[in-house]
Amino acid sequence: MSGEQPHLLLVDALNLIRRIHAAVPGDGEAAMEGALTSAGQAVGRLLSRFQPSHGVCAFDGWEKSWRHQAYPEYKAGRKPMPDDLKQGMERFHALFRYKGLTSLTYVDLEADDILATLAMKTLSRGGRVTLVSTDKGFAQLLGGDYPDLLIWDHFARQAVDRDFVVRRFGVEPGQLADYLALCGDTTNHIRGVDGIGAKTAAKLLAEYGNLETLYAHLEELPKGQAAKLQGTRNWALQARHLVRLRTDLELDCRLKAFRLGAAMSLPQVKEKG
């Protein structure tokens, strides 16, 4: 790639907004004003710290994603967005536009998959990526050899790296989807294998590496453990499919559209992913 290396800042918009809004005292219009001010300050700090050349704030679409279609219980029971925040979302789009960032929504896609796809596409073409979110699922991207990828927790003011993943989960980043398939992803209401907790999942993956190898060697496990896993292979593989990020979406957008301030950074809403 000729010229300056592009640096794409990717923001998990609702992750940022909802966490900020939840921490603001009060409710109603006062809370909205406080959240908008704090969100503006947060974006300002991110732009100052990382000095990106391009920026995207991705939002979840409002139609059911492929995960909902494959697993109707996906995200069941999750606390809904407060009405005042939902009704004021356009104000955040305007705020991001003012900061030079492009808001991007596909009506049938989740922000996680949009961000993961944009990250991998940019890295594969020689760019740098800073991805801002507290969602643990993005740590999956660290399983590849991407020295130009930084995952940043804005609220903890720290990078999420390989050592962080190993300390928190006891597995390598590339094993995170297998790990969540075994012990469950409660945030998204994806159940794991009954009776297999976090420590056991990490221990099994340390020994066998992945689900396929584990299920091929159930006879080597203690009887009680093997009994819990017996007959659960298909579900475990489906759960892993659900928790894995999509990095292969065909998105009809180009990096140049995300240059800071490009075309006044108009919000982009796409009909289908």
Protein backbone atom coordinates (compact mmCIF):
# COMPACT_ATOMS: atom_id res chain seq x y z
CA MET A 1 0.00 0.00 0.00
CA SER A 2 1.42 3.31 -1.07
CA GLY A 3 1.25 6.54 0.86
CA GLU A 4 0.33 6.99 4.48
CA GLN A 5 -0.86 3.91 6.34
CA PRO A 6 -4.57 4.40 7.11
CA HIS A 7 -5.57 4.11 10.75
CA LEU A 8 -9.21 3.15 11.27
CA LEU A 9 -10.87 3.85 14.61
CA LEU A 10 -13.80 1.48 15.14
CA VAL A 11 -16.25 2.26 17.94
CA ASP A 12 -18.85 -0.16 19.27
CA ALA A 13 -21.36 2.68 19.51
CA LEU A 14 -24.12 1.22 21.67
CA ASN A 15 -21.57 -0.36 24.00
CA LEU A 16 -20.10 3.09 24.58
CA ILE A 17 -23.41 4.97 24.74
CA ARG A 18 -25.26 2.59 27.05
CA ARG A 19 -22.40 2.36 29.52
CA ILE A 20 -22.06 6.12 29.62
CA HIS A 21 -25.82 6.65 29.97
CA ALA A 22 -26.05 4.09 32.80
CA ALA A 23 -23.35 5.94 34.75
CA VAL A 24 -24.93 9.39 34.41
CA PRO A 25 -27.00 10.45 37.45
CA GLY A 26 -30.66 11.32 37.10
CA ASP A 27 -33.04 10.39 34.33
CA GLY A 28 -34.97 11.86 31.42
CA GLU A 29 -33.60 14.89 29.61
CA ALA A 30 -30.99 15.60 32.28
CA ALA A 31 -29.53 12.11 31.86
CA MET A 32 -29.57 12.48 28.07
CA GLU A 33 -27.73 15.78 28.23
CA GLY A 34 -25.18 14.29 30.60
CA ALA A 35 -24.71 11.24 28.38
CA LEU A 36 -24.24 13.38 25.28
CA THR A 37 -21.65 15.51 27.03
CA SER A 38 -19.79 12.47 28.33
CA ALA A 39 -19.96 10.71 24.97
CA GLY A 40 -18.54 13.78 23.26
CA GLN A 41 -15.69 13.88 25.77
CA ALA A 42 -15.06 10.17 25.31
CA VAL A 43 -14.83 10.47 21.52
CA GLY A 44 -12.59 13.50 21.89
CA ARG A 45 -10.21 11.55 24.11
CA LEU A 46 -10.16 8.64 21.68
CA LEU A 47 -9.37 10.90 18.73
CA SER A 48 -6.66 12.69 20.70
CA ARG A 49 -5.08 9.49 22.00
CA PHE A 50 -5.06 7.47 18.78
CA GLN A 51 -4.98 10.12 16.03
CA PRO A 52 -6.86 7.98 13.47
CA SER A 53 -7.24 8.95 9.83
CA HIS A 54 -10.63 7.23 9.51
CA GLY A 55 -13.43 6.48 11.93
CA VAL A 56 -16.65 4.45 12.18
CA CYS A 57 -19.24 4.13 14.94
CA ALA A 58 -21.21 0.96 14.21
CA PHE A 59 -24.75 0.40 15.49
CA ASP A 60 -26.89 -2.75 15.70
CA GLY A 61 -29.65 -3.01 13.12
CA TRP A 62 -33.27 -3.20 14.23
CA GLU A 63 -34.23 -6.33 12.29
CA LYS A 64 -33.42 -9.84 13.50
CA SER A 65 -29.84 -10.86 12.76
CA TRP A 66 -28.72 -14.26 11.51
CA ARG A 67 -28.09 -15.26 15.14
CA HIS A 68 -31.69 -14.57 16.13
CA GLN A 69 -32.86 -16.59 13.16
CA ALA A 70 -30.62 -19.53 14.03
CA TYR A 71 -31.31 -19.39 17.77
CA PRO A 72 -34.55 -17.62 18.81
CA GLU A 73 -33.42 -17.43 22.45
CA TYR A 74 -30.46 -15.26 21.51
CA LYS A 75 -30.22 -12.26 23.87
CA ALA A 76 -33.53 -13.27 25.49
CA GLY A 77 -34.14 -11.46 28.76
CA ARG A 78 -31.62 -8.71 28.06
CA LYS A 79 -32.63 -5.43 29.64
CA PRO A 80 -34.12 -3.21 26.91
CA MET A 81 -32.72 0.18 26.08
CA PRO A 82 -34.36 2.94 28.17
CA ASP A 83 -37.07 4.73 26.18
CA ASP A 84 -35.50 8.17 26.55
CA LEU A 85 -32.19 6.87 25.25
CA LYS A 86 -33.83 5.06 22.35
CA GLN A 87 -35.78 8.15 21.36
CA GLY A 88 -32.68 10.32 21.59
CA MET A 89 -30.38 8.11 19.52
CA GLU A 90 -30.39 10.54 16.59
CA ARG A 91 -28.69 13.05 18.86
CA PHE A 92 -25.75 10.69 19.25
CA HIS A 93 -25.55 10.25 15.48
CA ALA A 94 -25.35 14.03 15.19
CA LEU A 95 -22.68 14.15 17.89
CA PHE A 96 -20.51 11.59 16.10
CA ARG A 97 -20.98 13.49 12.85
CA TYR A 98 -19.82 16.68 14.56
CA LYS A 99 -16.71 14.81 15.73
CA GLY A 100 -15.99 13.65 12.17
CA LEU A 101 -16.96 10.00 12.65
CA THR A 102 -19.34 8.09 10.41
CA SER A 103 -22.27 6.21 11.96
CA LEU A 104 -22.85 2.90 10.16
CA THR A 105 -25.92 0.68 10.50
CA TYR A 106 -27.08 -2.34 8.53
CA VAL A 107 -30.69 -3.08 9.36
CA ASP A 108 -30.15 -6.86 9.73
CA LEU A 109 -26.61 -6.98 11.15
CA GLU A 110 -25.08 -6.61 14.58
CA ALA A 111 -22.39 -4.03 15.19
CA ASP A 112 -19.97 -6.74 16.37
CA ASP A 113 -19.90 -8.44 12.97
CA ILE A 114 -19.70 -5.14 11.10
CA LEU A 115 -16.73 -4.02 13.19
CA ALA A 116 -14.96 -7.38 12.98
CA THR A 117 -15.34 -7.45 9.19
CA LEU A 118 -14.12 -3.87 8.76
CA ALA A 119 -11.18 -4.58 11.07
CA MET A 120 -10.03 -7.66 9.17
CA LYS A 121 -10.53 -6.03 5.78
CA THR A 122 -8.48 -3.00 6.81
CA LEU A 123 -5.69 -5.08 8.36
CA SER A 124 -5.49 -7.35 5.32
CA ARG A 125 -4.88 -4.28 3.16
CA GLY A 126 -2.07 -2.92 5.28
CA GLY A 127 -3.96 -0.54 7.54
CA ARG A 128 -4.01 -0.09 11.31
CA VAL A 129 -7.09 -0.65 13.44
CA THR A 130 -8.06 0.54 16.91
CA LEU A 131 -11.29 -1.10 18.05
CA VAL A 132 -13.05 0.39 21.09
CA SER A 133 -15.39 -1.83 23.11
CA THR A 134 -15.74 -3.62 26.43
CA ASP A 135 -17.32 -6.65 24.73
CA LYS A 136 -15.16 -9.68 25.48
CA GLY A 137 -16.11 -11.27 22.17
CA PHE A 138 -13.76 -9.00 20.23
CA ALA A 139 -10.79 -10.69 21.91
CA GLN A 140 -11.33 -13.50 19.39
CA LEU A 141 -9.65 -11.25 16.81
CA LEU A 142 -6.41 -11.47 18.78
CA GLY A 143 -6.10 -15.12 17.75
CA GLY A 144 -4.49 -14.03 14.49
CA ASP A 145 -1.10 -12.42 13.98
CA TYR A 146 -2.15 -8.76 13.65
CA PRO A 147 0.45 -6.41 15.14
CA ASP A 148 -1.51 -3.43 13.79
CA LEU A 149 -4.67 -4.32 15.73
CA LEU A 150 -5.40 -2.70 19.09
CA ILE A 151 -8.51 -3.51 21.12
CA TRP A 152 -9.12 -0.75 23.63
CA ASP A 153 -11.31 -0.66 26.74
CA HIS A 154 -12.12 3.04 27.03
CA PHE A 155 -13.55 2.78 30.53
CA ALA A 156 -10.64 0.84 32.02
CA ARG A 157 -8.16 2.86 29.93
CA GLN A 158 -6.30 -0.28 28.90
CA ALA A 159 -5.62 -2.49 25.93
CA VAL A 160 -7.20 -5.92 25.71
CA ASP A 161 -4.32 -8.16 24.66
CA ARG A 162 -3.36 -11.82 24.70
CA ASP A 163 -2.12 -11.72 28.29
CA PHE A 164 -5.38 -10.10 29.43
CA VAL A 165 -7.40 -12.88 27.79
CA VAL A 166 -5.28 -15.62 29.34
CA ARG A 167 -5.53 -14.04 32.80
CA ARG A 168 -9.29 -13.52 32.63
CA PHE A 169 -10.43 -16.69 30.87
CA GLY A 170 -7.55 -19.13 31.12
CA VAL A 171 -7.47 -19.75 27.35
CA GLU A 172 -5.76 -18.31 24.30
CA PRO A 173 -7.70 -15.73 22.26
CA GLY A 174 -8.13 -18.22 19.44
CA GLN A 175 -9.86 -20.60 21.86
CA LEU A 176 -12.34 -18.06 23.22
CA ALA A 177 -15.27 -19.17 21.03
CA ASP A 178 -14.72 -22.81 22.03
CA TYR A 179 -14.51 -21.76 25.67
CA LEU A 180 -17.79 -19.84 25.54
CA ALA A 181 -19.45 -22.74 23.74
CA LEU A 182 -18.57 -25.01 26.67
CA CYS A 183 -19.30 -22.77 29.64
CA GLY A 184 -21.88 -20.47 28.04
CA ASP A 185 -22.15 -16.83 27.07
CA THR A 186 -24.62 -15.44 29.60
CA THR A 187 -24.46 -11.92 28.18
CA ASN A 188 -26.10 -13.13 24.98
CA HIS A 189 -28.18 -15.89 26.61
CA ILE A 190 -26.30 -18.68 24.84
CA ARG A 191 -26.17 -21.67 27.13
CA GLY A 192 -23.11 -23.85 27.39
CA VAL A 193 -22.86 -27.54 28.24
CA ASP A 194 -24.72 -28.30 31.46
CA GLY A 195 -22.29 -28.95 34.30
CA ILE A 196 -19.25 -27.48 32.53
CA GLY A 197 -18.09 -24.29 34.22
CA ALA A 198 -15.43 -21.77 33.31
CA LYS A 199 -12.53 -23.51 35.06
CA THR A 200 -13.39 -26.91 33.60
CA ALA A 201 -13.80 -25.44 30.11
CA ALA A 202 -10.40 -23.77 30.31
CA LYS A 203 -8.77 -26.95 31.60
CA LEU A 204 -10.28 -29.09 28.85
CA LEU A 205 -9.17 -26.68 26.14
CA ALA A 206 -5.67 -26.46 27.61
CA GLU A 207 -5.44 -30.23 27.16
CA TYR A 208 -7.34 -30.77 23.90
CA GLY A 209 -7.14 -27.41 22.12
CA ASN A 210 -10.58 -27.25 20.51
CA LEU A 211 -14.04 -28.77 20.52
CA GLU A 212 -13.39 -31.23 17.72
CA THR A 213 -10.41 -32.82 19.47
CA LEU A 214 -12.15 -32.79 22.83
CA TYR A 215 -15.23 -34.63 21.58
CA ALA A 216 -13.03 -37.12 19.72
CA HIS A 217 -11.41 -38.14 23.03
CA LEU A 218 -14.27 -38.27 25.52
CA GLU A 219 -13.22 -41.79 26.54
CA GLU A 220 -10.06 -40.32 28.08
CA LEU A 221 -11.98 -38.12 30.50
CA PRO A 222 -13.19 -39.04 34.01
CA LYS A 223 -16.57 -40.78 33.75
CA GLY A 224 -18.55 -37.97 35.34
CA GLN A 225 -17.05 -35.36 33.05
CA ALA A 226 -17.48 -37.51 29.97
CA ALA A 227 -21.13 -38.09 30.88
CA LYS A 228 -21.77 -34.34 30.96
CA LEU A 229 -20.29 -33.94 27.49
CA GLN A 230 -21.83 -37.05 25.96
CA GLY A 231 -24.43 -36.18 23.34
CA THR A 232 -23.72 -32.44 23.44
CA ARG A 233 -21.33 -32.15 20.51
CA ASN A 234 -23.87 -30.75 18.03
CA TRP A 235 -25.05 -28.10 20.47
CA ALA A 236 -21.50 -27.12 21.41
CA LEU A 237 -20.61 -26.63 17.75
CA GLN A 238 -23.76 -24.58 17.21
CA ALA A 239 -23.01 -22.46 20.28
CA ARG A 240 -19.49 -21.83 18.97
CA HIS A 241 -20.96 -20.77 15.63
CA LEU A 242 -23.22 -18.30 17.44
CA VAL A 243 -20.50 -16.72 19.57
CA ARG A 244 -17.96 -16.44 16.76
CA LEU A 245 -17.60 -13.06 15.14
CA ARG A 246 -18.26 -12.82 11.42
CA THR A 247 -15.29 -11.35 9.58
CA ASP A 248 -16.43 -12.23 6.07
CA LEU A 249 -19.47 -10.01 5.52
CA GLU A 250 -19.91 -8.44 2.10
CA LEU A 251 -20.26 -4.80 3.12
CA ASP A 252 -20.94 -2.29 0.36
CA CYS A 253 -18.72 0.44 1.74
CA ARG A 254 -15.16 1.61 1.22
CA LEU A 255 -12.53 2.91 3.59
CA LYS A 256 -12.35 6.29 1.87
CA ALA A 257 -15.94 6.98 2.94
CA PHE A 258 -14.81 6.81 6.57
CA ARG A 259 -12.05 9.40 6.43
CA LEU A 260 -12.52 11.79 9.32
CA GLY A 261 -14.92 14.49 8.23
CA ALA A 262 -15.54 12.95 4.80
CA ALA A 263 -18.81 14.21 3.29
CA MET A 264 -19.59 15.67 6.71
CA SER A 265 -19.60 12.08 7.98
CA LEU A 266 -23.25 11.58 7.14
CA PRO A 267 -24.84 8.58 8.88
CA GLN A 268 -25.02 5.56 6.60
CA VAL A 269 -27.95 3.16 6.93
CA LYS A 270 -27.78 0.10 4.72
CA GLU A 271 -30.82 -1.98 3.85
CA LYS A 272 -29.24 -5.44 3.99
CA GLY A 273 -25.87 -6.91 4.87
